[in-house]
Protein backbone atom coordinates (compact mmCIF):
# COMPACT_ATOMS: atom_id res chain seq x y z
CA MET A 1 2.09 14.42 11.73
CA ALA A 2 0.99 12.50 8.66
CA LEU A 3 -0.03 8.87 8.65
CA ARG A 4 1.26 7.05 5.64
CA THR A 5 -0.25 4.40 3.50
CA ALA A 6 0.71 2.73 0.26
CA GLY A 7 -1.57 1.86 -2.58
CA SER A 8 -1.69 0.26 -5.98
CA VAL A 9 -4.15 -1.12 -8.46
CA LEU A 10 -1.93 -3.90 -9.77
CA VAL A 11 -3.41 -7.31 -9.06
CA VAL A 12 -1.19 -10.17 -10.19
CA PHE A 13 -2.72 -13.43 -11.34
CA LEU A 14 -0.18 -16.00 -12.45
CA TRP A 15 -1.24 -19.37 -13.77
CA SER A 16 1.00 -22.36 -14.17
CA VAL A 17 0.98 -26.13 -13.75
CA ALA A 18 -1.18 -27.01 -10.74
CA VAL A 19 0.57 -28.54 -7.75
CA VAL A 20 -1.55 -31.26 -6.14
CA LEU A 21 -0.31 -32.98 -3.03
CA GLY A 22 -2.39 -35.13 -0.72
CA GLN A 23 -3.22 -38.54 0.67
CA ASP A 24 -6.30 -40.72 1.12
CA GLY A 25 -8.69 -38.13 -0.25
CA TRP A 26 -7.01 -35.16 1.42
CA SER A 27 -5.41 -32.68 -0.97
CA VAL A 28 -4.57 -29.04 -1.63
CA THR A 29 -4.08 -27.84 -5.21
CA TYR A 30 -1.93 -24.72 -5.61
CA THR A 31 -2.11 -22.75 -8.86
CA PRO A 32 0.71 -21.75 -9.35
CA GLN A 33 3.53 -22.91 -7.09
CA SER A 34 5.53 -19.67 -7.30
CA ILE A 35 4.70 -16.00 -7.90
CA CYS A 36 6.90 -12.95 -8.27
CA THR A 37 5.32 -9.50 -8.11
CA LEU A 38 5.98 -5.86 -7.27
CA LYS A 39 6.32 -4.17 -3.92
CA GLY A 40 3.21 -2.11 -3.18
CA SER A 41 0.94 -4.18 -5.43
CA THR A 42 -1.80 -6.72 -4.67
CA VAL A 43 -1.49 -10.45 -5.25
CA GLU A 44 -3.84 -13.41 -5.12
CA LEU A 45 -2.65 -16.89 -4.11
CA THR A 46 -5.07 -19.47 -5.46
CA CYS A 47 -5.77 -23.00 -4.31
CA SER A 48 -8.54 -25.54 -3.89
CA TYR A 49 -8.84 -28.47 -1.49
CA THR A 50 -10.57 -31.82 -1.01
CA TYR A 51 -11.29 -34.06 1.98
CA PRO A 52 -12.94 -37.49 2.29
CA ARG A 53 -15.69 -36.81 4.83
CA GLY A 54 -17.06 -34.49 7.49
CA THR A 55 -17.54 -30.73 7.62
CA VAL A 56 -14.83 -28.10 7.43
CA THR A 57 -14.77 -26.02 10.63
CA SER A 58 -11.71 -23.84 10.07
CA THR A 59 -9.54 -22.68 7.14
CA PHE A 60 -6.52 -20.38 7.07
CA TRP A 61 -3.21 -19.53 5.41
CA PHE A 62 0.07 -19.27 7.29
CA THR A 63 3.81 -18.74 6.81
CA LYS A 64 5.15 -19.57 10.28
CA ASN A 65 4.47 -21.49 13.47
CA ASP A 66 4.28 -20.27 17.04
CA ALA A 67 6.63 -21.35 19.84
CA GLU A 68 4.63 -24.54 20.30
CA GLY A 69 4.80 -25.44 16.63
CA ASN A 70 1.21 -24.49 15.78
CA PRO A 71 0.57 -22.62 12.49
CA VAL A 72 -0.24 -18.92 12.97
CA SER A 73 -3.11 -17.69 10.79
CA LEU A 74 -2.20 -14.64 8.71
CA SER A 75 -5.40 -13.00 9.99
CA ASP A 76 -3.90 -13.09 13.49
CA ASP A 77 -0.42 -12.00 12.43
CA PRO A 78 0.13 -8.27 13.18
CA ASP A 79 2.43 -7.98 10.14
CA TYR A 80 -0.56 -8.76 7.89
CA LYS A 81 -3.33 -7.03 9.84
CA ALA A 82 -5.88 -5.39 7.52
CA ARG A 83 -3.92 -6.52 4.44
CA VAL A 84 -5.21 -10.08 3.94
CA THR A 85 -8.63 -11.34 2.90
CA TYR A 86 -9.90 -14.82 2.07
CA HIS A 87 -12.19 -15.32 -0.93
CA LYS A 88 -14.60 -18.25 -0.81
CA ASP A 89 -16.74 -17.69 -3.89
CA ASN A 90 -16.84 -21.38 -4.71
CA LYS A 91 -16.97 -24.49 -2.55
CA ASN A 92 -13.48 -25.66 -1.57
CA ASP A 93 -11.96 -22.43 -2.92
CA CYS A 94 -9.14 -21.07 -0.76
CA THR A 95 -7.94 -17.91 -2.50
CA LEU A 96 -5.86 -15.48 -0.43
CA ARG A 97 -5.47 -11.79 -1.35
CA ILE A 98 -2.62 -9.71 0.10
CA THR A 99 -2.58 -5.95 -0.48
CA ASP A 100 0.18 -3.35 -0.14
CA LEU A 101 2.90 -5.97 -0.61
CA ARG A 102 6.16 -5.50 1.26
CA GLU A 103 9.54 -7.09 0.69
CA SER A 104 9.13 -8.78 4.08
CA ASP A 105 6.09 -10.63 2.65
CA ALA A 106 8.41 -12.80 0.56
CA ALA A 107 7.84 -16.29 2.00
CA THR A 108 6.29 -19.68 1.39
CA TYR A 109 2.54 -19.61 2.02
CA LYS A 110 0.60 -22.75 2.99
CA PHE A 111 -3.09 -23.46 3.36
CA ARG A 112 -4.47 -25.49 6.27
CA PHE A 113 -8.00 -26.70 6.97
CA ILE A 114 -9.65 -28.52 9.88
CA THR A 115 -12.78 -30.70 9.84
CA ASP A 116 -15.05 -32.05 12.56
CA GLN A 117 -13.61 -35.55 12.13
CA THR A 118 -11.07 -37.12 14.45
CA GLY A 119 -7.62 -36.32 13.07
CA GLY A 120 -9.26 -34.20 10.39
CA ARG A 121 -6.46 -31.65 9.95
CA PHE A 122 -4.47 -31.14 6.77
CA THR A 123 -1.78 -28.73 5.54
CA GLY A 124 -1.00 -28.50 1.84
CA ASN A 125 2.69 -28.82 1.04
CA PRO A 126 4.91 -27.42 -0.42
CA GLY A 127 2.79 -24.25 -0.60
CA VAL A 128 3.22 -21.18 -2.79
CA THR A 129 6.52 -19.28 -2.88
CA LEU A 130 6.03 -15.52 -3.15
CA SER A 131 8.83 -13.14 -4.19
CA VAL A 132 8.39 -9.36 -3.86
CA THR A 133 10.63 -6.91 -5.72
CA ASP A 134 10.99 -3.28 -6.80
CA LEU A 135 11.46 -2.09 -10.37
CA GLN A 136 15.05 -1.03 -11.13
CA VAL A 137 16.61 0.39 -14.29
CA GLN A 138 19.77 -1.45 -15.33
CA VAL A 139 22.18 0.25 -17.78
CA THR A 140 24.46 -1.77 -20.06
CA PRO A 141 26.48 -0.88 -23.19
CA TYR A 142 24.60 -1.46 -26.44
CA SER A 143 27.79 -2.88 -27.98
CA VAL A 144 31.53 -2.64 -27.54
CA VAL A 145 31.93 -0.06 -30.32
CA SER A 146 28.74 1.96 -29.77
CA ALA A 147 28.05 4.87 -27.41
CA TRP A 148 24.40 3.83 -27.15
CA LYS A 149 23.13 2.28 -23.91
CA THR A 150 20.56 -0.44 -23.31
CA LEU A 151 18.11 0.19 -20.47
CA THR A 152 16.33 -2.75 -18.89
CA CYS A 153 13.41 -2.44 -16.49
CA ALA A 154 14.60 -5.19 -14.19
CA THR A 155 12.08 -7.22 -12.24
CA CYS A 156 10.84 -10.77 -12.00
CA VAL A 157 9.22 -12.36 -15.04
CA LEU A 158 5.59 -11.17 -15.27
CA THR A 159 3.03 -12.89 -17.45
CA GLY A 160 0.97 -11.24 -20.16
CA ASP A 161 3.87 -9.53 -21.94
CA PRO A 162 3.52 -6.30 -19.92
CA THR A 163 4.04 -2.88 -21.50
CA TYR A 164 6.59 -0.62 -19.82
CA ILE A 165 6.49 3.17 -19.68
CA TRP A 166 9.82 4.97 -19.94
CA TYR A 167 10.44 8.43 -18.48
CA LYS A 168 13.24 10.76 -19.51
CA ASN A 169 13.83 13.63 -17.07
CA GLY A 170 10.39 13.05 -15.60
CA GLN A 171 8.54 13.10 -18.90
CA ILE A 172 7.07 10.07 -20.70
CA VAL A 173 9.05 9.32 -23.84
CA THR A 174 7.71 5.96 -24.96
CA ASP A 175 5.52 2.97 -24.25
CA ASN A 176 7.72 0.02 -24.96
CA THR A 177 8.79 -3.36 -23.82
CA SER A 178 12.02 -3.71 -21.91
CA PRO A 179 14.88 -3.30 -22.94
CA TYR A 180 15.03 0.24 -24.36
CA SER A 181 18.00 1.79 -26.23
CA VAL A 182 19.09 5.42 -25.72
CA TYR A 183 21.94 7.71 -26.71
CA PRO A 184 23.29 8.96 -23.37
CA ASP A 185 23.55 12.56 -22.31
CA ALA A 186 25.08 13.62 -19.02
CA ALA A 187 21.98 15.59 -18.05
CA ASP A 188 19.45 12.82 -18.65
CA SER A 189 17.89 10.40 -16.19
CA TYR A 190 15.53 7.51 -16.94
CA SER A 191 12.88 5.63 -15.03
CA CYS A 192 10.40 2.89 -15.89
CA ALA A 193 6.97 1.67 -14.79
CA LEU A 194 4.30 -0.78 -15.81
CA LYS A 195 1.56 0.76 -17.92
CA ALA A 196 -1.59 1.51 -15.88
CA ASN A 197 0.49 1.05 -12.70
CA GLU A 198 2.67 4.12 -12.83
CA ASP A 199 2.69 4.50 -9.05
CA LEU A 200 5.01 1.48 -8.92
CA HIS A 201 7.74 3.18 -10.96
CA SER A 202 11.47 2.66 -10.51
CA PRO A 203 13.78 5.35 -9.12
CA ALA A 204 15.26 7.66 -11.76
CA VAL A 205 18.85 6.74 -12.64
CA CYS A 206 21.60 8.66 -14.42
CA VAL A 207 22.82 7.02 -17.60
CA GLN A 208 26.16 8.79 -17.85
CA ASP A 209 26.73 11.28 -15.00
CA GLN A 210 25.57 11.06 -11.39
CA SER A 211 24.57 14.74 -11.32
CA CYS A 212 21.82 14.30 -13.93
CA ASN A 213 18.28 15.66 -13.66
CA ARG A 214 16.16 13.64 -11.27
CA VAL A 215 13.52 13.83 -8.56
CA THR A 216 12.87 11.17 -5.93
CA TYR A 217 9.74 11.39 -3.78
CA ILE A 218 10.08 10.27 -0.17
CA ASP A 219 6.55 8.81 -0.10
CA LYS A 220 4.44 7.41 -2.90
CA SER A 221 1.31 7.99 -0.85
CA ILE A 222 0.30 9.59 2.43
CA CYS A 223 -2.90 9.34 4.44
CA ALA A 224 -3.46 12.31 6.78
CA LEU A 225 -6.24 13.41 9.08
CA LYS A 226 -8.58 16.24 8.18
CA GLY A 227 -7.51 19.35 10.08
CA SER A 228 -3.92 18.22 10.56
CA SER A 229 -0.73 19.25 8.74
CA VAL A 230 1.35 17.21 6.32
CA ASP A 231 4.85 17.43 4.84
CA ILE A 232 5.32 16.13 1.29
CA SER A 233 9.02 15.82 0.48
CA CYS A 234 11.42 14.86 -2.27
CA THR A 235 15.10 15.00 -3.14
CA TYR A 236 16.30 16.36 -6.46
CA SER A 237 19.34 17.25 -8.54
CA SER A 238 19.89 19.18 -11.75
CA TYR A 239 22.74 19.01 -14.24
CA HIS A 240 22.34 22.71 -15.01
CA PRO A 241 21.86 25.64 -12.58
CA ILE A 242 18.24 25.81 -11.35
CA LYS A 243 16.14 28.93 -11.97
CA THR A 244 12.81 28.03 -10.32
CA THR A 245 11.25 25.28 -8.22
CA PHE A 246 7.62 24.73 -7.17
CA TRP A 247 5.01 22.15 -6.13
CA PHE A 248 1.72 21.64 -7.99
CA ARG A 249 -1.36 19.41 -8.16
CA SER A 250 -1.38 16.96 -11.06
CA ASP A 251 -5.14 17.35 -11.64
CA LYS A 252 -4.77 20.97 -12.74
CA SER A 253 -4.87 21.74 -16.46
CA ALA A 254 -1.31 23.11 -16.27
CA PRO A 255 1.41 23.03 -13.58
CA GLU A 256 0.70 25.94 -11.20
CA ASP A 257 2.70 26.97 -8.14
CA LEU A 258 0.60 25.73 -5.23
CA THR A 259 1.59 28.63 -2.99
CA ARG A 260 -0.19 30.95 -5.45
CA ASP A 261 -3.39 28.90 -5.58
CA PRO A 262 -6.26 30.71 -3.77
CA GLU A 263 -7.52 27.38 -2.40
CA TYR A 264 -4.25 27.00 -0.49
CA ALA A 265 -3.81 30.62 0.56
CA GLY A 266 -2.06 30.73 3.92
CA ARG A 267 -1.95 26.90 4.06
CA ALA A 268 0.72 25.85 1.53
CA LEU A 269 4.35 26.57 2.41
CA ASP A 270 7.49 25.51 0.54
CA SER A 271 10.06 27.31 2.66
CA LEU A 272 11.75 24.03 3.61
CA PRO A 273 14.15 22.55 1.01
CA SER A 274 12.14 20.40 -1.45
CA THR A 275 9.31 20.03 1.09
CA LEU A 276 5.71 21.16 0.72
CA ARG A 277 3.83 21.71 3.97
CA ILE A 278 0.03 21.97 3.89
CA THR A 279 -1.76 22.98 7.08
CA ASP A 280 -5.42 22.72 8.15
CA LEU A 281 -6.00 19.87 5.71
CA ARG A 282 -9.34 19.56 3.93
CA GLU A 283 -10.82 16.55 2.18
CA SER A 284 -10.63 18.55 -1.06
CA ASP A 285 -6.83 18.54 -0.66
CA SER A 286 -6.81 14.84 -1.61
CA ALA A 287 -4.77 14.75 -4.81
CA GLU A 288 -1.43 13.83 -6.35
CA TYR A 289 1.31 16.41 -5.68
CA LYS A 290 4.41 16.85 -7.82
CA PHE A 291 7.63 18.84 -7.67
CA ARG A 292 9.09 20.62 -10.68
CA PHE A 293 12.28 22.55 -11.34
CA ASN A 294 13.41 24.56 -14.34
CA SER A 295 16.95 25.36 -15.36
CA GLN A 296 18.39 27.58 -18.07
CA ILE A 297 18.46 24.66 -20.52
CA SER A 298 16.13 21.94 -19.30
CA GLY A 299 13.95 20.95 -16.37
CA TRP A 300 12.02 18.16 -14.74
CA GLY A 301 8.89 16.95 -16.54
CA TYR A 302 5.44 16.82 -15.03
CA SER A 303 4.24 13.35 -16.11
CA PHE A 304 6.44 11.50 -13.60
CA PRO A 305 4.28 10.14 -10.72
CA GLY A 306 4.47 12.17 -7.49
CA THR A 307 3.04 11.69 -3.99
CA THR A 308 -0.67 10.93 -3.60
CA LEU A 309 -2.29 12.53 -0.56
CA SER A 310 -5.54 11.19 0.92
CA VAL A 311 -7.29 13.23 3.59
CA THR A 312 -9.75 11.50 5.90
CA GLY A 313 -11.80 12.10 9.01
CA LEU A 314 -12.46 9.61 11.80
CA GLN A 315 -15.76 7.79 12.22
CA VAL A 316 -16.95 5.24 14.75
CA LYS A 317 -18.59 2.23 13.08
CA VAL A 318 -20.60 -0.30 15.05
CA THR A 319 -20.93 -4.03 14.37
CA PRO A 320 -22.40 -6.92 16.41
CA ALA A 321 -20.01 -8.87 18.66
CA ALA A 322 -20.75 -11.57 21.22
CA GLU A 323 -24.23 -11.71 22.70
CA GLY A 324 -25.00 -8.50 24.54
CA GLN A 325 -21.97 -6.68 23.11
CA LYS A 326 -20.97 -4.37 20.26
CA THR A 327 -17.63 -3.80 18.51
CA LEU A 328 -16.76 -0.17 17.88
CA THR A 329 -14.21 0.52 15.13
CA CYS A 330 -12.39 3.82 14.64
CA SER A 331 -12.69 3.94 10.86
CA THR A 332 -10.95 6.01 8.17
CA ASN A 333 -11.25 6.26 4.39
CA CYS A 334 -7.61 5.28 3.89
CA THR A 335 -5.48 2.74 5.72
CA LEU A 336 -3.33 4.30 8.41
CA THR A 337 0.05 2.67 8.83
CA ASP A 338 2.99 3.44 11.14
CA ASN A 339 1.02 1.57 13.84
CA PRO A 340 -0.91 4.61 15.08
CA THR A 341 -2.12 4.59 18.69
CA TYR A 342 -5.86 5.15 19.01
CA ILE A 343 -7.60 6.94 21.85
CA TRP A 344 -11.15 6.15 22.95
CA TYR A 345 -13.51 8.49 24.81
CA LYS A 346 -16.54 7.48 26.85
CA ASN A 347 -18.98 10.31 27.56
CA GLY A 348 -16.22 12.74 26.60
CA LYS A 349 -13.71 11.26 29.05
CA ARG A 350 -10.61 9.47 27.81
CA LEU A 351 -10.43 5.73 28.44
CA ASP A 352 -6.91 4.83 29.40
CA GLU A 353 -5.03 2.16 31.32
CA PRO A 354 -1.28 2.86 31.52
CA THR A 355 -0.35 -0.85 31.62
CA SER A 356 -2.89 -2.10 29.08
CA GLN A 357 -3.13 -2.04 25.28
CA HIS A 358 -6.89 -2.54 25.47
CA TYR A 359 -7.72 1.06 24.62
CA SER A 360 -4.90 1.72 22.09
CA SER A 361 -6.22 -0.26 19.09
CA ASN A 362 -8.80 0.91 16.57
CA THR A 363 -11.51 -1.41 17.98
CA LEU A 364 -13.39 -1.40 21.28
CA VAL A 365 -16.02 -3.85 22.62
CA VAL A 366 -18.88 -2.35 24.64
CA LEU A 367 -22.18 -3.53 26.11
CA ARG A 368 -25.04 -3.64 23.62
CA HIS A 369 -27.50 -1.60 25.66
CA SER A 370 -25.03 0.91 27.00
CA ALA A 371 -26.45 4.41 27.42
CA ASP A 372 -22.98 5.91 27.02
CA SER A 373 -21.52 7.79 24.07
CA TYR A 374 -18.18 6.93 22.46
CA SER A 375 -15.73 8.69 20.16
CA CYS A 376 -12.15 8.08 19.03
CA ALA A 377 -8.98 9.95 18.08
CA VAL A 378 -5.37 9.27 17.17
CA GLU A 379 -2.51 10.04 19.53
CA ASP A 380 -0.91 13.46 18.90
CA HIS A 381 -4.16 14.50 17.19
CA GLU A 382 -6.53 14.43 20.15
CA THR A 383 -8.42 17.52 18.97
CA LEU A 384 -9.32 15.79 15.68
CA HIS A 385 -11.62 13.21 17.26
CA SER A 386 -14.57 11.53 15.58
CA PRO A 387 -18.20 12.49 16.20
CA ALA A 388 -19.59 10.74 19.28
CA VAL A 389 -21.81 7.68 18.82
CA CYS A 390 -24.62 7.45 21.38
CA GLU A 391 -26.91 4.63 22.51
CA TYR A 392 -29.46 5.23 19.74
CA GLU A 393 -26.79 5.05 17.05
CA ILE A 394 -25.26 1.91 18.53
CA ASN A 395 -28.62 0.11 18.42
CA TYR A 396 -29.38 1.52 14.94
CA TYR A 397 -26.14 0.31 13.33
CA SER A 398 -26.52 -3.14 14.86
CA THR A 399 -29.77 -3.99 13.09
């Protein structure tokens, strides 16, 4: 089983007219009031706030209220767990960063702060409206009398006059702004991406015939445990009869069939249709993997982004908690999604309560001076547990 994660390096900063709303010295300034960005990217929502007196005791962002009408901090919302951070570099700064954006993150975000004064609570309205979208290629006729087509990389309006990358049959053909004009061929497919953010590319689309050349990867990125197995899959079609197909690593000097690579001997299998299975994963297997096919006339290029695999082990990290306690965290080098269930071991024996979720998260609170050892694993991968942390290590990490 593989544990999937998504990643991107696109951070969107959009500046517009500041929105300042407040009363009697209380205010929240949002800059800007609305943002539209790409699924899978990272965004920062920026604001600042003022208050007449007292000391701020609590600050948080929220999008919804609980059953009693109280705002729910994003830090406590399971939908945003491990994806939100607050930046407080400057006094009264209330910048929120959200990573791995999902379409479900589209909402109106508001900032709220509480002071030590009576009635000292304030929520900034109307907030910041966030829209999250995918890139899509739209095809329209160039003119009524022309066979040429106009391709548009459709998304929300991004600032900075972004440069788009266009792919034809999986190979980069131009760096250009959208729209892009082409003379259609039944075999050709096109896709687009933002330059320097190719992992956020659009699906490949046929310009003239639905049986054109194209490859669609099931996952943009996967995070899997060292020692486990992973399936990397895609779907594909070819306008012409296919002669050969194979998977390869993008960091090689030339595309090479992975099943013939000595480093993957006995571990890389492509017997399943358009699926690469790698067993006994090693950290050195972390790389981008791509699929390629060749036909009698054309094939699929190798510059089109594939699936990025990250391989990680498990490690128990220790941080101080309440007095006399420690928090143990089952840590990985990449973010595991799919809500994995964690397993904790004390002195080699599994901690488990059938009716409780206490031992199924990636954190565990223990006594500070415990003489016991602890380790963790992920369900269905119990043999791939972390090294045990003993009393000496717990005290060492806490200082």
